């Protein structure tokens, strides 16, 4: 376990232990997973209640949230760099809760989509600030291990969320899912307010002047490693979003087993959680690059194999589940490590870097995921080949970005487990 005994570099705020810190950060990130995955079983009910005739339009409930999530990241990072991580996080959670309850009262599909976009924009605060906090406290392999442990807890949510959504639908209307999102957000907000420390160092506080923001943005987009790994991660995330957008139609319409949507989702997500835990161990032994690069190769190869089998041989639902579990488990060996590599040289502008990388990654991934999802034609074939393109594109971007350090082992001198705390304020 990575040492987190003194996670707060400033002030005299609360200092939770390592396990509580990881679970709390994961719970904050889980606001997004629940906001997406719990909705999947309700898409048909929402469409029916709000008069949506075209089945592919249901996907907008997912995509609008994701688009808002992408755009919202542009604003939360600079605010977190100026005012601190904790107050900015509290503001984002409060807005998330407000729009969760507002969506439950949406009188039309258009109003629901607008509310979902704004809810996603608010949820972006958690992604930006959690990554910035981890970057504030850790470096190198230690940072990747913490991100992997957070991701491991976070990955449990997709296992449970669709089943949770189905359970809620058996007890109440689809609006009840939004009520649960609102109450969950409020609960996590109170926990974070009481226990989370402020991690932004005074020397890293930045103004909101346009010139300073532009300087920080240039530092992020002009760095080859930052930009390259952001785009490589974007390609993989596009495949994940395409899966989330398409899985309901694939299970319902292709395999005709709507009652198994929760089981299918969980069977694919569980190996992702296990892979995230394994990744947290492997990066300490083999290093970020060797594990991340091996992961993206595996993602591409498994995606190609699954697409070829489904296209030229045919597959059953169990075969589909196995194929997707292999592909998306490979994603878990890439995600935390690519995020770490993208942020590795961005300590002085961690909030801005997290924002820009998140905006680029989420918006481009959402557009690509939407294109793949909208290509659904009653079979899983367009989705599988779209996933293959995502994997091959990510692999090509990694080669172009880091061709001189491909599969590089851990450096002889390990990065410190945690950064030395700054002097206490006051």
Protein backbone atom coordinates (compact mmCIF):
# COMPACT_ATOMS: atom_id res chain seq x y z
CA UNK A 1 0.00 0.00 0.00
CA UNK A 2 1.31 3.45 -0.86
CA UNK A 3 2.02 5.54 2.23
CA UNK A 4 -0.57 8.25 2.73
CA UNK A 5 -0.03 9.00 6.38
CA UNK A 6 0.30 12.74 5.81
CA UNK A 7 -1.72 13.57 2.70
CA UNK A 8 -2.19 17.27 3.50
CA UNK A 9 0.75 19.53 2.62
CA UNK A 10 -0.98 22.67 3.94
CA UNK A 11 -2.89 23.83 6.96
CA UNK A 12 -4.20 21.80 9.87
CA UNK A 13 -7.14 20.16 8.16
CA UNK A 14 -8.16 16.51 8.49
CA UNK A 15 -5.65 13.84 7.58
CA UNK A 16 -7.48 10.59 6.74
CA UNK A 17 -5.57 7.33 6.61
CA UNK A 18 -4.48 5.66 3.40
CA UNK A 19 -7.50 3.38 2.96
CA UNK A 20 -10.01 6.12 3.73
CA UNK A 21 -8.23 8.50 1.35
CA UNK A 22 -8.31 6.03 -1.53
CA UNK A 23 -11.95 5.08 -0.91
CA UNK A 24 -12.97 8.74 -0.61
CA UNK A 25 -11.20 9.71 -3.84
CA UNK A 26 -12.78 6.72 -5.58
CA UNK A 27 -16.22 7.64 -4.21
CA UNK A 28 -15.80 11.12 -5.64
CA UNK A 29 -14.85 9.72 -9.04
CA UNK A 30 -17.76 7.29 -8.76
CA UNK A 31 -20.22 10.19 -9.02
CA UNK A 32 -19.54 10.01 -12.75
CA UNK A 33 -19.78 6.24 -13.08
CA UNK A 34 -23.08 6.11 -11.22
CA UNK A 35 -24.35 9.11 -13.18
CA UNK A 36 -23.77 7.15 -16.39
CA UNK A 37 -24.10 3.44 -15.61
CA UNK A 38 -27.18 3.54 -13.37
CA UNK A 39 -29.08 5.18 -16.24
CA UNK A 40 -28.54 2.33 -18.71
CA UNK A 41 -31.48 0.12 -17.62
CA UNK A 42 -33.78 3.19 -17.62
CA UNK A 43 -33.11 4.35 -21.19
CA UNK A 44 -36.12 2.53 -22.63
CA UNK A 45 -38.44 3.84 -19.89
CA UNK A 46 -37.17 7.39 -20.32
CA UNK A 47 -37.67 7.24 -24.07
CA UNK A 48 -41.18 5.84 -23.69
CA UNK A 49 -42.24 8.36 -21.04
CA UNK A 50 -40.85 11.37 -22.91
CA UNK A 51 -42.07 10.32 -26.35
CA UNK A 52 -38.77 9.42 -28.02
CA UNK A 53 -39.46 7.20 -31.03
CA UNK A 54 -35.99 6.67 -32.52
CA UNK A 55 -34.09 4.12 -30.43
CA UNK A 56 -30.61 5.53 -31.15
CA UNK A 57 -31.69 8.86 -29.61
CA UNK A 58 -31.73 7.17 -26.21
CA UNK A 59 -27.95 7.27 -26.30
CA UNK A 60 -28.09 11.06 -25.91
CA UNK A 61 -28.90 10.59 -22.22
CA UNK A 62 -25.38 9.17 -21.89
CA UNK A 63 -23.59 11.26 -24.50
CA UNK A 64 -25.01 14.63 -23.33
CA UNK A 65 -23.72 13.95 -19.82
CA UNK A 66 -20.33 13.02 -21.23
CA UNK A 67 -20.15 16.13 -23.43
CA UNK A 68 -21.02 18.35 -20.47
CA UNK A 69 -18.43 16.50 -18.43
CA UNK A 70 -15.83 17.27 -21.09
CA UNK A 71 -16.57 20.99 -21.40
CA UNK A 72 -16.92 21.46 -17.64
CA UNK A 73 -13.35 20.38 -17.01
CA UNK A 74 -12.11 23.49 -18.77
CA UNK A 75 -13.39 25.67 -15.92
CA UNK A 76 -12.79 23.63 -12.77
CA UNK A 77 -9.02 23.28 -13.18
CA UNK A 78 -8.16 27.00 -13.23
CA UNK A 79 -10.57 27.58 -10.33
CA UNK A 80 -8.90 24.80 -8.34
CA UNK A 81 -5.46 26.28 -9.06
CA UNK A 82 -6.63 29.70 -7.85
CA UNK A 83 -8.96 29.04 -4.91
CA UNK A 84 -7.79 25.61 -3.79
CA UNK A 85 -8.93 22.05 -4.34
CA UNK A 86 -11.41 21.71 -1.49
CA UNK A 87 -13.70 24.77 -1.97
CA UNK A 88 -13.83 24.19 -5.72
CA UNK A 89 -14.71 20.54 -5.20
CA UNK A 90 -17.51 21.45 -2.78
CA UNK A 91 -18.99 23.87 -5.32
CA UNK A 92 -18.94 21.23 -8.06
CA UNK A 93 -20.68 18.64 -5.91
CA UNK A 94 -23.38 21.12 -4.89
CA UNK A 95 -24.15 21.92 -8.54
CA UNK A 96 -24.18 18.18 -9.38
CA UNK A 97 -26.78 17.50 -6.70
CA UNK A 98 -28.94 20.43 -7.86
CA UNK A 99 -29.09 19.22 -11.46
CA UNK A 100 -29.69 15.61 -10.43
CA UNK A 101 -32.95 16.64 -8.80
CA UNK A 102 -33.73 19.03 -11.66
CA UNK A 103 -33.39 16.22 -14.23
CA UNK A 104 -35.90 14.14 -12.30
CA UNK A 105 -38.51 16.85 -12.96
CA UNK A 106 -37.69 17.37 -16.67
CA UNK A 107 -40.97 17.75 -18.63
CA UNK A 108 -39.46 16.86 -22.02
CA UNK A 109 -36.61 14.86 -23.51
CA UNK A 110 -34.90 18.08 -24.66
CA UNK A 111 -34.99 19.50 -21.13
CA UNK A 112 -33.65 16.24 -19.75
CA UNK A 113 -30.74 16.30 -22.19
CA UNK A 114 -29.93 19.91 -21.24
CA UNK A 115 -30.04 19.00 -17.55
CA UNK A 116 -27.83 15.97 -18.14
CA UNK A 117 -25.24 18.10 -19.91
CA UNK A 118 -25.14 20.53 -16.98
CA UNK A 119 -25.02 17.68 -14.47
CA UNK A 120 -22.04 16.27 -16.35
CA UNK A 121 -20.35 19.69 -16.36
CA UNK A 122 -20.69 19.82 -12.58
CA UNK A 123 -19.40 16.26 -12.18
CA UNK A 124 -16.26 17.29 -14.07
CA UNK A 125 -15.06 18.97 -10.86
CA UNK A 126 -14.52 15.58 -9.25
CA UNK A 127 -12.39 14.22 -12.09
CA UNK A 128 -10.24 17.34 -12.41
CA UNK A 129 -9.70 17.85 -8.70
CA UNK A 130 -9.12 14.22 -7.74
CA UNK A 131 -6.39 13.93 -10.39
CA UNK A 132 -4.90 17.28 -9.33
CA UNK A 133 -4.88 16.16 -5.68
CA UNK A 134 -3.11 12.92 -6.53
CA UNK A 135 -0.60 14.94 -8.59
CA UNK A 136 -0.14 17.33 -5.65
CA UNK A 137 0.88 14.47 -3.39
CA UNK A 138 2.62 11.82 -5.49
CA UNK A 139 5.06 11.33 -8.36
CA UNK A 140 5.99 8.65 -10.87
CA UNK A 141 5.18 5.04 -10.02
CA UNK A 142 3.73 6.04 -6.63
CA UNK A 143 1.25 8.29 -8.41
CA UNK A 144 0.30 5.49 -10.80
CA UNK A 145 -0.22 3.05 -7.91
CA UNK A 146 -2.56 5.45 -6.13
CA UNK A 147 -4.49 6.09 -9.35
CA UNK A 148 -4.77 2.35 -9.90
CA UNK A 149 -6.10 1.75 -6.39
CA UNK A 150 -8.61 4.56 -6.85
CA UNK A 151 -9.57 3.05 -10.21
CA UNK A 152 -9.95 -0.40 -8.62
CA UNK A 153 -12.54 0.88 -6.14
CA UNK A 154 -14.07 3.02 -8.88
CA UNK A 155 -14.46 0.00 -11.18
CA UNK A 156 -16.67 -1.75 -8.65
CA UNK A 157 -19.35 0.84 -9.44
CA UNK A 158 -19.99 -0.34 -13.03
CA UNK A 159 -20.45 -3.84 -11.62
CA UNK A 160 -23.19 -2.63 -9.29
CA UNK A 161 -24.69 0.46 -10.94
CA UNK A 162 -26.81 -1.18 -13.70
CA UNK A 163 -28.21 -3.64 -11.18
CA UNK A 164 -28.86 -0.74 -8.84
CA UNK A 165 -30.69 1.03 -11.66
CA UNK A 166 -32.78 -2.05 -12.31
CA UNK A 167 -33.59 -2.40 -8.61
CA UNK A 168 -34.69 1.24 -8.42
CA UNK A 169 -36.93 0.73 -11.45
CA UNK A 170 -38.68 -2.18 -9.73
CA UNK A 171 -39.44 0.09 -6.76
CA UNK A 172 -40.24 3.35 -8.50
CA UNK A 173 -40.18 5.35 -11.76
CA UNK A 174 -37.08 6.26 -13.74
CA UNK A 175 -37.01 9.63 -11.96
CA UNK A 176 -36.06 7.78 -8.77
CA UNK A 177 -32.63 7.08 -10.25
CA UNK A 178 -31.97 10.82 -10.29
CA UNK A 179 -33.17 11.08 -6.70
CA UNK A 180 -30.61 8.46 -5.73
CA UNK A 181 -27.88 10.34 -7.64
CA UNK A 182 -28.78 13.52 -5.76
CA UNK A 183 -28.72 11.89 -2.33
CA UNK A 184 -25.49 10.05 -3.11
CA UNK A 185 -23.83 13.28 -4.22
CA UNK A 186 -24.96 15.03 -1.05
CA UNK A 187 -23.63 12.20 1.13
CA UNK A 188 -20.23 12.14 -0.58
CA UNK A 189 -20.08 15.93 -0.41
CA UNK A 190 -20.54 15.91 3.37
CA UNK A 191 -17.92 13.17 3.77
CA UNK A 192 -15.42 15.10 1.63
CA UNK A 193 -16.12 18.36 3.47
CA UNK A 194 -15.46 16.75 6.84
CA UNK A 195 -12.44 14.63 5.92
CA UNK A 196 -10.64 15.83 2.79
CA UNK A 197 -7.53 18.04 3.22
CA UNK A 198 -6.45 20.98 1.09
CA UNK A 199 -3.50 19.78 -1.01
CA UNK A 200 -2.65 22.83 -3.15
CA UNK A 201 0.68 24.35 -2.19
CA UNK A 202 0.83 28.12 -1.91
CA UNK A 203 3.68 28.31 -4.40
CA UNK A 204 1.47 26.59 -7.00
CA UNK A 205 -1.53 28.91 -6.66
CA UNK A 206 -2.17 30.71 -9.92
CA UNK A 207 -4.18 33.75 -10.86
CA UNK A 208 -7.14 33.82 -13.22
CA UNK A 209 -5.58 36.46 -15.45
CA UNK A 210 -5.90 35.56 -19.12
CA UNK A 211 -2.15 35.78 -19.66
CA UNK A 212 -1.40 33.37 -16.83
CA UNK A 213 -4.08 30.95 -17.99
CA UNK A 214 -2.72 31.07 -21.54
CA UNK A 215 0.79 30.41 -20.26
CA UNK A 216 -0.38 27.38 -18.32
CA UNK A 217 -2.35 26.08 -21.29
CA UNK A 218 0.67 26.43 -23.57
CA UNK A 219 2.77 24.44 -21.13
CA UNK A 220 0.26 21.60 -21.31
CA UNK A 221 -0.34 21.42 -25.07
CA UNK A 222 3.26 22.07 -26.09
CA UNK A 223 4.63 19.18 -24.07
CA UNK A 224 4.98 16.12 -26.31
CA UNK A 225 4.44 13.64 -23.51
CA UNK A 226 1.41 15.47 -22.12
CA UNK A 227 -0.32 15.81 -25.48
CA UNK A 228 0.62 12.41 -26.86
CA UNK A 229 -0.58 10.38 -23.90
CA UNK A 230 -3.71 12.51 -23.62
CA UNK A 231 -4.64 11.63 -27.20
CA UNK A 232 -3.70 7.96 -26.75
CA UNK A 233 -5.91 7.78 -23.67
CA UNK A 234 -8.66 9.58 -25.60
CA UNK A 235 -8.74 6.86 -28.25
CA UNK A 236 -9.18 4.15 -25.61
CA UNK A 237 -11.79 6.17 -23.72
CA UNK A 238 -13.75 6.54 -26.96
CA UNK A 239 -13.96 2.76 -27.11
CA UNK A 240 -15.19 2.60 -23.51
CA UNK A 241 -17.86 5.23 -24.18
CA UNK A 242 -18.95 3.38 -27.30
CA UNK A 243 -19.38 0.26 -25.17
CA UNK A 244 -21.42 2.11 -22.54
CA UNK A 245 -23.59 3.74 -25.21
CA UNK A 246 -24.16 0.53 -27.18
CA UNK A 247 -24.37 -2.25 -24.58
CA UNK A 248 -28.07 -1.78 -23.81
CA UNK A 249 -29.04 -2.16 -27.47
CA UNK A 250 -26.63 -5.05 -27.99
CA UNK A 251 -28.00 -7.03 -25.04
CA UNK A 252 -31.64 -6.11 -25.70
CA UNK A 253 -31.80 -6.19 -29.50
CA UNK A 254 -28.94 -8.42 -30.69
CA UNK A 255 -28.92 -11.17 -28.07
CA UNK A 256 -32.56 -10.71 -26.91
CA UNK A 257 -31.69 -11.01 -23.22
CA UNK A 258 -32.78 -7.70 -21.60
CA UNK A 259 -33.04 -9.33 -18.18
CA UNK A 260 -29.28 -9.94 -18.22
CA UNK A 261 -28.12 -6.35 -18.76
CA UNK A 262 -26.86 -6.02 -15.17
CA UNK A 263 -25.14 -9.41 -15.30
CA UNK A 264 -23.43 -8.59 -18.62
CA UNK A 265 -22.28 -5.20 -17.42
CA UNK A 266 -20.93 -6.65 -14.19
CA UNK A 267 -19.21 -9.58 -15.92
CA UNK A 268 -17.26 -7.15 -18.10
CA UNK A 269 -16.56 -4.60 -15.36
CA UNK A 270 -15.34 -7.09 -12.73
CA UNK A 271 -12.18 -8.06 -14.69
CA UNK A 272 -11.53 -4.33 -15.16
CA UNK A 273 -11.51 -3.88 -11.36
CA UNK A 274 -9.20 -6.87 -10.92
CA UNK A 275 -6.90 -5.52 -13.63
CA UNK A 276 -6.75 -2.13 -11.90
CA UNK A 277 -5.67 -3.81 -8.66
CA UNK A 278 -3.07 -5.87 -10.53
CA UNK A 279 -1.82 -2.75 -12.27
CA UNK A 280 -1.17 -1.07 -8.92
CA UNK A 281 1.27 -3.91 -8.16
CA UNK A 282 2.87 -4.20 -11.59
CA UNK A 283 3.83 -0.55 -12.04
CA UNK A 284 6.00 -0.70 -8.92
CA UNK A 285 7.89 -3.66 -10.35
CA UNK A 286 8.05 -2.97 -14.07
CA UNK A 287 7.35 0.76 -14.39
CA UNK A 288 4.71 2.93 -16.01
CA UNK A 289 5.77 2.55 -19.59
CA UNK A 290 6.24 -1.21 -19.73
CA UNK A 291 2.81 -1.83 -18.19
CA UNK A 292 0.98 0.89 -20.16
CA UNK A 293 2.53 -0.07 -23.47
CA UNK A 294 1.82 -3.77 -22.92
CA UNK A 295 -1.76 -2.85 -22.03
CA UNK A 296 -2.42 -0.90 -25.21
CA UNK A 297 -0.95 -3.71 -27.35
CA UNK A 298 -3.25 -6.19 -25.59
CA UNK A 299 -6.26 -3.88 -26.07
CA UNK A 300 -5.61 -3.61 -29.81
CA UNK A 301 -4.98 -7.34 -30.32
CA UNK A 302 -8.02 -8.48 -28.34
CA UNK A 303 -10.22 -5.94 -30.14
CA UNK A 304 -9.06 -7.14 -33.56
CA UNK A 305 -9.59 -10.78 -32.58
CA UNK A 306 -13.09 -10.15 -31.21
CA UNK A 307 -14.17 -8.17 -34.28
CA UNK A 308 -12.89 -10.88 -36.63
CA UNK A 309 -14.58 -13.71 -34.71
CA UNK A 310 -17.93 -11.92 -34.56
CA UNK A 311 -17.79 -10.88 -38.22
CA UNK A 312 -16.55 -14.05 -39.86
CA UNK A 313 -17.61 -16.84 -37.47
CA UNK A 314 -20.39 -15.50 -35.28
CA UNK A 315 -20.73 -15.42 -31.51
CA UNK A 316 -23.09 -16.09 -28.63
CA UNK A 317 -23.70 -13.76 -25.69
CA UNK A 318 -21.13 -15.61 -23.48
CA UNK A 319 -18.53 -15.25 -26.24
CA UNK A 320 -19.32 -11.54 -26.51
CA UNK A 321 -18.88 -11.12 -22.75
CA UNK A 322 -15.50 -12.89 -22.75
CA UNK A 323 -14.27 -10.85 -25.70
CA UNK A 324 -15.29 -7.55 -24.12
CA UNK A 325 -13.89 -8.52 -20.74
CA UNK A 326 -10.48 -9.15 -22.32
CA UNK A 327 -10.48 -5.89 -24.27
CA UNK A 328 -11.70 -3.66 -21.44
CA UNK A 329 -9.54 -5.33 -18.79
CA UNK A 330 -6.62 -4.27 -20.99
CA UNK A 331 -7.96 -0.71 -20.73
CA UNK A 332 -7.30 -0.85 -16.97
CA UNK A 333 -3.60 -1.43 -17.60
CA UNK A 334 -3.52 1.74 -19.70
CA UNK A 335 -5.81 4.29 -18.10
CA UNK A 336 -4.13 5.18 -14.79
CA UNK A 337 -0.65 4.88 -16.29
CA UNK A 338 -1.40 7.08 -19.29
CA UNK A 339 -3.01 9.67 -17.01
CA UNK A 340 0.12 9.61 -14.88
CA UNK A 341 2.44 9.96 -17.87
CA UNK A 342 0.35 12.83 -19.25
CA UNK A 343 0.54 14.67 -15.89
CA UNK A 344 4.08 13.65 -14.97
CA UNK A 345 5.76 16.92 -15.99
CA UNK A 346 2.83 19.20 -15.09
CA UNK A 347 3.33 19.72 -11.32
CA UNK A 348 3.30 23.55 -11.51
CA UNK A 349 0.01 23.62 -13.47
CA UNK A 350 -1.65 20.41 -12.27
CA UNK A 351 -5.17 21.84 -12.19
CA UNK A 352 -4.88 23.45 -15.61
CA UNK A 353 -3.25 20.32 -17.04
CA UNK A 354 -5.97 18.08 -15.64
CA UNK A 355 -8.59 20.42 -17.12
CA UNK A 356 -7.15 20.64 -20.61
CA UNK A 357 -6.30 16.96 -20.82
CA UNK A 358 -9.78 16.14 -19.57
CA UNK A 359 -11.51 18.49 -22.01
CA UNK A 360 -9.58 17.19 -25.00
CA UNK A 361 -9.93 13.58 -23.94
CA UNK A 362 -13.58 13.63 -22.99
CA UNK A 363 -14.95 15.71 -25.86
CA UNK A 364 -13.06 13.88 -28.58
CA UNK A 365 -13.88 10.54 -26.97
CA UNK A 366 -17.55 11.47 -26.65
CA UNK A 367 -17.75 12.45 -30.32
CA UNK A 368 -16.01 9.26 -31.43
CA UNK A 369 -18.09 7.16 -29.05
CA UNK A 370 -21.27 8.80 -30.34
CA UNK A 371 -20.27 8.07 -33.95
CA UNK A 372 -19.64 4.41 -33.10
CA UNK A 373 -22.85 4.13 -31.09
CA UNK A 374 -24.95 5.76 -33.79
CA UNK A 375 -23.65 3.22 -36.32
CA UNK A 376 -25.64 0.50 -34.55
CA UNK A 377 -27.56 -1.41 -37.22
CA UNK A 378 -29.12 -4.24 -35.24
CA UNK A 379 -25.81 -6.10 -34.85
CA UNK A 380 -22.72 -5.67 -32.69
CA UNK A 381 -20.39 -5.61 -35.72
CA UNK A 382 -20.11 -1.79 -36.21
CA UNK A 383 -19.35 -1.36 -32.52
CA UNK A 384 -16.66 -4.06 -32.52
CA UNK A 385 -14.84 -2.60 -35.51
CA UNK A 386 -15.13 0.88 -34.02
CA UNK A 387 -13.51 -0.50 -30.85
CA UNK A 388 -10.75 -1.99 -32.98
CA UNK A 389 -10.04 1.36 -34.62
CA UNK A 390 -9.83 2.95 -31.16
CA UNK A 391 -7.26 0.40 -30.00
CA UNK A 392 -5.08 0.63 -33.10
CA UNK A 393 -5.20 4.44 -33.03
CA UNK A 394 -4.07 4.52 -29.40
CA UNK A 395 -1.22 2.15 -30.13
CA UNK A 396 -0.06 4.32 -33.04
CA UNK A 397 -0.16 7.44 -30.85
CA UNK A 398 1.91 5.77 -28.12
CA UNK A 399 4.55 4.77 -30.69
CA UNK A 400 4.69 8.29 -32.10
CA UNK A 401 4.88 9.86 -28.64
CA UNK A 402 7.37 7.60 -26.88
CA UNK A 403 9.07 5.53 -29.54
CA UNK A 404 12.48 5.86 -27.87
CA UNK A 405 11.16 4.61 -24.52
CA UNK A 406 8.78 1.84 -25.60
CA UNK A 407 8.39 -0.86 -22.92
CA UNK A 408 10.97 0.89 -20.76
CA UNK A 409 11.47 -0.82 -17.41
CA UNK A 410 11.32 0.89 -14.04
CA UNK A 411 14.16 3.34 -13.53
CA UNK A 412 16.84 2.10 -11.08
CA UNK A 413 16.00 4.86 -8.64
CA UNK A 414 12.35 4.68 -7.56
CA UNK A 415 10.26 7.78 -7.29
CA UNK A 416 9.33 8.70 -3.71
CA UNK A 417 6.10 7.23 -2.42
CA UNK A 418 4.84 10.65 -1.46
CA UNK A 419 6.06 14.15 -1.92
CA UNK A 420 7.56 15.91 1.08
CA UNK A 421 4.95 18.05 2.78
CA UNK A 422 5.36 21.79 2.63
CA UNK A 423 5.73 23.69 5.90
CA UNK A 424 2.54 24.00 7.89
CA UNK A 425 0.66 27.22 7.41
CA UNK A 426 0.62 29.45 10.42
